[in-house]
C-alpha atoms as a PDB file:
ATOM      1  CA  MET A   1      83.027 123.521 123.255  1.00  0.00           C
ATOM      2  CA  PRO A   2      85.448 121.350 121.254  1.00  0.00           C
ATOM      3  CA  GLN A   3      83.929 118.639 119.168  1.00  0.00           C
ATOM      4  CA  GLU A   4      84.788 114.965 119.822  1.00  0.00           C
ATOM      5  CA  PRO A   5      87.275 114.680 116.922  1.00  0.00           C
ATOM      6  CA  GLU A   6      89.045 117.814 118.192  1.00  0.00           C
ATOM      7  CA  VAL A   7      89.274 116.375 121.702  1.00  0.00           C
ATOM      8  CA  LYS A   8      90.734 113.134 120.334  1.00  0.00           C
ATOM      9  CA  ALA A   9      93.248 115.116 118.303  1.00  0.00           C
ATOM     10  CA  LEU A  10      94.327 117.020 121.437  1.00  0.00           C
ATOM     11  CA  LEU A  11      94.683 113.835 123.489  1.00  0.00           C
ATOM     12  CA  SER A  12      96.422 111.772 120.811  1.00  0.00           C
ATOM     13  CA  PRO A  13     100.230 112.010 120.726  1.00  0.00           C
ATOM     14  CA  SER A  14     101.796 113.701 117.748  1.00  0.00           C
ATOM     15  CA  PRO A  15     103.930 111.715 115.264  1.00  0.00           C
ATOM     16  CA  GLU A  16     107.015 113.330 116.775  1.00  0.00           C
ATOM     17  CA  GLU A  17     106.001 112.182 120.262  1.00  0.00           C
ATOM     18  CA  GLN A  18     105.310 108.677 118.991  1.00  0.00           C
ATOM     19  CA  ASP A  19     108.732 108.492 117.324  1.00  0.00           C
ATOM     20  CA  ARG A  20     110.338 109.787 120.492  1.00  0.00           C
ATOM     21  CA  SER A  21     108.560 107.124 122.573  1.00  0.00           C
ATOM     22  CA  VAL A  22     109.789 104.367 120.269  1.00  0.00           C
ATOM     23  CA  ASP A  23     113.349 105.701 120.391  1.00  0.00           C
ATOM     24  CA  GLU A  24     113.215 105.899 124.187  1.00  0.00           C
ATOM     25  CA  ALA A  25     111.942 102.317 124.401  1.00  0.00           C
ATOM     26  CA  ARG A  26     114.743 101.135 122.134  1.00  0.00           C
ATOM     27  CA  GLU A  27     117.345 102.919 124.247  1.00  0.00           C
ATOM     28  CA  GLU A  28     115.953 101.373 127.443  1.00  0.00           C
ATOM     29  CA  ILE A  29     116.081  97.878 125.936  1.00  0.00           C
ATOM     30  CA  LYS A  30     119.613  98.450 124.636  1.00  0.00           C
ATOM     31  CA  THR A  31     120.726  99.632 128.079  1.00  0.00           C
ATOM     32  CA  ALA A  32     119.170  96.585 129.740  1.00  0.00           C
ATOM     33  CA  ASN A  33     120.851  94.274 127.221  1.00  0.00           C
ATOM     34  CA  LYS A  34     124.227  95.921 127.855  1.00  0.00           C
ATOM     35  CA  LEU A  35     123.822  95.334 131.588  1.00  0.00           C
ATOM     36  CA  ARG A  36     122.862  91.687 130.986  1.00  0.00           C
ATOM     37  CA  LYS A  37     126.011  91.124 128.915  1.00  0.00           C
ATOM     38  CA  LYS A  38     128.115  91.884 131.998  1.00  0.00           C
ATOM     39  CA  VAL A  39     126.523  88.950 133.846  1.00  0.00           C
ATOM     40  CA  PRO A  40     127.674  85.366 133.033  1.00  0.00           C
ATOM     41  CA  LEU A  41     125.297  83.441 130.744  1.00  0.00           C
ATOM     42  CA  ILE A  42     124.635  80.625 133.202  1.00  0.00           C
ATOM     43  CA  THR A  43     123.804  83.179 135.929  1.00  0.00           C
ATOM     44  CA  GLN A  44     121.259  84.906 133.687  1.00  0.00           C
ATOM     45  CA  ILE A  45     119.628  81.614 132.692  1.00  0.00           C
ATOM     46  CA  MET A  46     119.411  80.481 136.319  1.00  0.00           C
ATOM     47  CA  ALA A  47     117.932  83.834 137.321  1.00  0.00           C
ATOM     48  CA  LEU A  48     115.210  83.510 134.702  1.00  0.00           C
ATOM     49  CA  ALA A  49     114.483  79.930 135.706  1.00  0.00           C
ATOM     50  CA  ALA A  50     114.285  80.897 139.380  1.00  0.00           C
ATOM     51  CA  GLY A  51     111.555  83.395 138.629  1.00  0.00           C
ATOM     52  CA  ASN A  52     108.014  82.746 137.464  1.00  0.00           C
ATOM     53  CA  THR A  53     108.448  79.921 134.955  1.00  0.00           C
ATOM     54  CA  SER A  54     105.087  80.725 133.390  1.00  0.00           C
ATOM     55  CA  SER A  55     106.008  84.370 132.719  1.00  0.00           C
ATOM     56  CA  ARG A  56     106.153  85.685 129.186  1.00  0.00           C
ATOM     57  CA  GLU A  57     109.810  86.672 129.637  1.00  0.00           C
ATOM     58  CA  PHE A  58     110.845  83.167 130.670  1.00  0.00           C
ATOM     59  CA  VAL A  59     108.919  81.594 127.791  1.00  0.00           C
ATOM     60  CA  LEU A  60     110.356  83.961 125.177  1.00  0.00           C
ATOM     61  CA  ARG A  61     113.941  83.928 126.405  1.00  0.00           C
ATOM     62  CA  VAL A  62     114.404  80.350 127.608  1.00  0.00           C
ATOM     63  CA  VAL A  63     111.579  77.965 126.725  1.00  0.00           C
ATOM     64  CA  GLN A  64     111.035  78.963 123.095  1.00  0.00           C
ATOM     65  CA  PRO A  65     114.705  78.875 121.995  1.00  0.00           C
ATOM     66  CA  GLY A  66     115.281  75.735 124.047  1.00  0.00           C
ATOM     67  CA  LEU A  67     112.275  73.982 122.536  1.00  0.00           C
ATOM     68  CA  ALA A  68     113.318  74.983 119.018  1.00  0.00           C
ATOM     69  CA  GLY A  69     116.742  73.465 119.623  1.00  0.00           C
ATOM     70  CA  LEU A  70     115.379  70.300 121.221  1.00  0.00           C
ATOM     71  CA  MET A  71     112.960  69.743 118.332  1.00  0.00           C
ATOM     72  CA  ASP A  72     115.626  70.310 115.711  1.00  0.00           C
ATOM     73  CA  GLY A  73     118.183  68.101 117.423  1.00  0.00           C
ATOM     74  CA  SER A  74     115.709  65.312 118.147  1.00  0.00           C
ATOM     75  CA  VAL A  75     114.182  65.229 114.664  1.00  0.00           C
ATOM     76  CA  SER A  76     116.696  66.474 112.085  1.00  0.00           C
ATOM     77  CA  THR A  77     119.474  64.114 113.177  1.00  0.00           C
ATOM     78  CA  LEU A  78     117.323  60.990 112.936  1.00  0.00           C
ATOM     79  CA  ALA A  79     117.836  60.536 109.200  1.00  0.00           C
ATOM     80  CA  PRO A  80     121.681  60.516 109.076  1.00  0.00           C
ATOM     81  CA  ILE A  81     122.015  58.426 112.254  1.00  0.00           C
ATOM     82  CA  PHE A  82     119.618  55.641 111.328  1.00  0.00           C
ATOM     83  CA  ALA A  83     120.599  55.713 107.660  1.00  0.00           C
ATOM     84  CA  ALA A  84     124.222  55.159 108.710  1.00  0.00           C
ATOM     85  CA  ALA A  85     123.150  52.302 110.981  1.00  0.00           C
ATOM     86  CA  PHE A  86     121.118  50.614 108.240  1.00  0.00           C
ATOM     87  CA  ILE A  87     123.846  51.041 105.598  1.00  0.00           C
ATOM     88  CA  THR A  88     126.974  50.114 107.555  1.00  0.00           C
ATOM     89  CA  LYS A  89     125.407  47.685 110.077  1.00  0.00           C
ATOM     90  CA  ARG A  90     128.054  49.009 112.494  1.00  0.00           C
ATOM     91  CA  PRO A  91     126.811  50.836 115.624  1.00  0.00           C
ATOM     92  CA  MET A  92     130.058  52.796 116.073  1.00  0.00           C
ATOM     93  CA  ASP A  93     129.750  54.278 112.580  1.00  0.00           C
ATOM     94  CA  ALA A  94     126.216  55.402 113.401  1.00  0.00           C
ATOM     95  CA  PHE A  95     127.458  56.866 116.687  1.00  0.00           C
ATOM     96  CA  LEU A  96     130.162  58.935 114.978  1.00  0.00           C
ATOM     97  CA  VAL A  97     127.718  60.168 112.346  1.00  0.00           C
ATOM     98  CA  GLY A  98     125.215  61.022 115.068  1.00  0.00           C
ATOM     99  CA  ILE A  99     127.663  62.998 117.204  1.00  0.00           C
ATOM    100  CA  ALA A 100     128.929  64.871 114.138  1.00  0.00           C
ATOM    101  CA  SER A 101     125.344  65.646 113.087  1.00  0.00           C
ATOM    102  CA  ALA A 102     124.382  66.797 116.588  1.00  0.00           C
ATOM    103  CA  MET A 103     127.456  69.017 116.852  1.00  0.00           C
ATOM    104  CA  GLY A 104     126.939  70.532 113.409  1.00  0.00           C
ATOM    105  CA  ALA A 105     123.245  71.109 114.039  1.00  0.00           C
ATOM    106  CA  GLY A 106     123.981  72.679 117.425  1.00  0.00           C
ATOM    107  CA  ILE A 107     126.473  75.151 115.994  1.00  0.00           C
ATOM    108  CA  SER A 108     124.171  75.982 113.079  1.00  0.00           C
ATOM    109  CA  MET A 109     121.128  76.520 115.289  1.00  0.00           C
ATOM    110  CA  ALA A 110     123.116  78.624 117.774  1.00  0.00           C
ATOM    111  CA  PHE A 111     124.220  81.052 115.070  1.00  0.00           C
ATOM    112  CA  SER A 112     120.803  81.007 113.423  1.00  0.00           C
ATOM    113  CA  GLU A 113     119.010  81.959 116.627  1.00  0.00           C
ATOM    114  CA  ALA A 114     121.564  84.544 117.709  1.00  0.00           C
ATOM    115  CA  LEU A 115     121.779  86.297 114.341  1.00  0.00           C
ATOM    116  CA  SER A 116     118.076  86.216 113.464  1.00  0.00           C
ATOM    117  CA  ASP A 117     116.901  88.505 116.275  1.00  0.00           C
ATOM    118  CA  ASP A 118     118.922  90.941 118.396  1.00  0.00           C
ATOM    119  CA  GLY A 119     116.095  91.090 120.934  1.00  0.00           C
ATOM    120  CA  VAL A 120     115.896  94.888 120.942  1.00  0.00           C
ATOM    121  CA  LEU A 121     112.426  95.273 119.447  1.00  0.00           C
ATOM    122  CA  THR A 122     110.976  91.864 120.276  1.00  0.00           C
ATOM    123  CA  GLY A 123     112.050  91.845 123.926  1.00  0.00           C
ATOM    124  CA  ARG A 124     113.400  88.293 123.616  1.00  0.00           C
ATOM    125  CA  GLY A 125     116.585  89.155 125.471  1.00  0.00           C
ATOM    126  CA  SER A 126     120.247  88.693 124.670  1.00  0.00           C
ATOM    127  CA  PRO A 127     120.886  86.938 121.340  1.00  0.00           C
ATOM    128  CA  VAL A 128     123.982  85.320 122.848  1.00  0.00           C
ATOM    129  CA  ILE A 129     121.950  83.668 125.600  1.00  0.00           C
ATOM    130  CA  ARG A 130     119.236  82.520 123.207  1.00  0.00           C
ATOM    131  CA  GLY A 131     121.848  81.191 120.792  1.00  0.00           C
ATOM    132  CA  ALA A 132     123.613  79.300 123.586  1.00  0.00           C
ATOM    133  CA  ILE A 133     120.328  77.791 124.783  1.00  0.00           C
ATOM    134  CA  THR A 134     119.220  76.791 121.285  1.00  0.00           C
ATOM    135  CA  GLY A 135     122.607  75.369 120.315  1.00  0.00           C
ATOM    136  CA  GLY A 136     122.981  73.474 123.575  1.00  0.00           C
ATOM    137  CA  MET A 137     119.501  71.953 123.396  1.00  0.00           C
ATOM    138  CA  THR A 138     120.028  71.038 119.741  1.00  0.00           C
ATOM    139  CA  PHE A 139     123.179  69.120 120.605  1.00  0.00           C
ATOM    140  CA  PHE A 140     121.444  67.570 123.615  1.00  0.00           C
ATOM    141  CA  GLY A 141     118.494  66.373 121.531  1.00  0.00           C
ATOM    142  CA  GLY A 142     120.707  65.032 118.763  1.00  0.00           C
ATOM    143  CA  SER A 143     123.134  63.239 121.053  1.00  0.00           C
ATOM    144  CA  LEU A 144     120.534  61.498 123.242  1.00  0.00           C
ATOM    145  CA  HIS A 145     119.449  58.979 120.611  1.00  0.00           C
ATOM    146  CA  THR A 146     123.065  58.706 119.439  1.00  0.00           C
ATOM    147  CA  LEU A 147     124.361  57.312 122.735  1.00  0.00           C
ATOM    148  CA  PRO A 148     122.604  53.911 122.343  1.00  0.00           C
ATOM    149  CA  PHE A 149     124.867  53.183 119.362  1.00  0.00           C
ATOM    150  CA  LEU A 150     127.735  52.733 121.786  1.00  0.00           C
ATOM    151  CA  ILE A 151     126.160  49.313 122.327  1.00  0.00           C
ATOM    152  CA  PRO A 152     128.156  46.864 120.159  1.00  0.00           C
ATOM    153  CA  ASN A 153     125.105  44.838 119.129  1.00  0.00           C
ATOM    154  CA  LEU A 154     123.255  46.568 116.296  1.00  0.00           C
ATOM    155  CA  HIS A 155     119.819  45.168 117.116  1.00  0.00           C
ATOM    156  CA  ALA A 156     120.091  46.134 120.792  1.00  0.00           C
ATOM    157  CA  ALA A 157     121.394  49.584 119.844  1.00  0.00           C
ATOM    158  CA  LEU A 158     118.473  50.174 117.473  1.00  0.00           C
ATOM    159  CA  VAL A 159     115.889  49.092 120.050  1.00  0.00           C
ATOM    160  CA  ALA A 160     117.448  51.359 122.687  1.00  0.00           C
ATOM    161  CA  ALA A 161     117.568  54.249 120.201  1.00  0.00           C
ATOM    162  CA  TYR A 162     113.884  53.764 119.310  1.00  0.00           C
ATOM    163  CA  ILE A 163     112.966  53.993 123.002  1.00  0.00           C
ATOM    164  CA  VAL A 164     115.062  57.132 123.504  1.00  0.00           C
ATOM    165  CA  VAL A 165     113.484  58.785 120.450  1.00  0.00           C
ATOM    166  CA  ALA A 166     110.009  58.021 121.803  1.00  0.00           C
ATOM    167  CA  ILE A 167     110.935  59.605 125.141  1.00  0.00           C
ATOM    168  CA  GLU A 168     112.330  62.684 123.368  1.00  0.00           C
ATOM    169  CA  LEU A 169     109.167  63.166 121.335  1.00  0.00           C
ATOM    170  CA  LEU A 170     106.981  62.789 124.431  1.00  0.00           C
ATOM    171  CA  LEU A 171     109.164  65.346 126.231  1.00  0.00           C
ATOM    172  CA  ILE A 172     108.723  67.826 123.385  1.00  0.00           C
ATOM    173  CA  ALA A 173     104.959  67.268 123.424  1.00  0.00           C
ATOM    174  CA  ALA A 174     104.898  67.797 127.208  1.00  0.00           C
ATOM    175  CA  ILE A 175     106.817  71.091 126.954  1.00  0.00           C
ATOM    176  CA  ARG A 176     104.490  72.380 124.222  1.00  0.00           C
ATOM    177  CA  HIS A 177     101.489  71.385 126.322  1.00  0.00           C
ATOM    178  CA  ARG A 178     102.897  72.969 129.498  1.00  0.00           C
ATOM    179  CA  PHE A 179     104.094  76.303 128.168  1.00  0.00           C
ATOM    180  CA  PHE A 180     102.127  76.882 124.964  1.00  0.00           C
ATOM    181  CA  GLY A 181      98.784  75.309 125.845  1.00  0.00           C
ATOM    182  CA  THR A 182      98.859  72.863 122.934  1.00  0.00           C
ATOM    183  CA  ARG A 183      96.473  69.959 123.425  1.00  0.00           C
ATOM    184  CA  TRP A 184      98.188  66.694 124.287  1.00  0.00           C
ATOM    185  CA  TRP A 185      96.862  64.706 121.341  1.00  0.00           C
ATOM    186  CA  VAL A 186      97.535  67.532 118.878  1.00  0.00           C
ATOM    187  CA  SER A 187     101.085  68.028 120.150  1.00  0.00           C
ATOM    188  CA  ILE A 188     101.864  64.301 120.103  1.00  0.00           C
ATOM    189  CA  LEU A 189     100.370  63.919 116.611  1.00  0.00           C
ATOM    190  CA  GLN A 190     102.431  66.805 115.239  1.00  0.00           C
ATOM    191  CA  VAL A 191     105.711  65.825 116.881  1.00  0.00           C
ATOM    192  CA  VAL A 192     105.417  62.097 116.241  1.00  0.00           C
ATOM    193  CA  GLY A 193     104.246  62.772 112.686  1.00  0.00           C
ATOM    194  CA  GLY A 194     107.335  64.870 111.969  1.00  0.00           C
ATOM    195  CA  GLY A 195     109.610  62.264 113.512  1.00  0.00           C
ATOM    196  CA  ALA A 196     107.954  59.489 111.522  1.00  0.00           C
ATOM    197  CA  LEU A 197     108.527  61.338 108.243  1.00  0.00           C
ATOM    198  CA  VAL A 198     112.224  61.815 109.007  1.00  0.00           C
ATOM    199  CA  PHE A 199     112.608  58.196 110.088  1.00  0.00           C
ATOM    200  CA  ALA A 200     110.900  57.076 106.868  1.00  0.00           C
ATOM    201  CA  ALA A 201     113.508  59.050 104.913  1.00  0.00           C
ATOM    202  CA  ALA A 202     116.282  57.374 106.934  1.00  0.00           C
ATOM    203  CA  TYR A 203     114.838  53.943 106.217  1.00  0.00           C
ATOM    204  CA  LEU A 204     114.481  54.607 102.479  1.00  0.00           C
ATOM    205  CA  PHE A 205     118.016  55.942 102.053  1.00  0.00           C
ATOM    206  CA  GLY A 206     119.480  53.384 104.430  1.00  0.00           C
ATOM    207  CA  ASN A 207     118.021  50.498 102.439  1.00  0.00           C
ATOM    208  CA  ALA A 208     118.422  51.948  98.943  1.00  0.00           C
END
């Protein structure tokens, strides 16, 4: 009667079989990605959103890249926008700087997300879709607190921008709580803390 180690050896796949399984999985993912490329981006995103929004696929392919973009756009653009407002005292100058920053950050984040992971091994889906989501949400987050600077009065524009930033940070905290199970107070502390550090930098440089 075979001993236990011998039985395990018989049941365990050989290295060749393991390599073949990995290659087959890669080919299946590549085939699926090729089929997805034939469908318009917006159609694919809507199809994912229409499914189970708590599924791992939806979180990996839509929520995670979207949240990364929203966080980057909402936080990284704070410093140039508010620094420009403090230095020039002209809301329109801050608006132009903000839109330029949001656009540049959106393009940068789109390429960064798309080129960092082709989705074949990680199962995160089409890099083009993830890049589009990340870039779009980055621009969205950066432009939201830029729009108040269309108000001619600097003080009113700053107050409106502060309110919009607070709403953005709460939205980010809510998404992290909803999809990643982060505790409310922890998420708010982390997000608001990061925003406060960036705003402090804007204030220092804007009043140097």
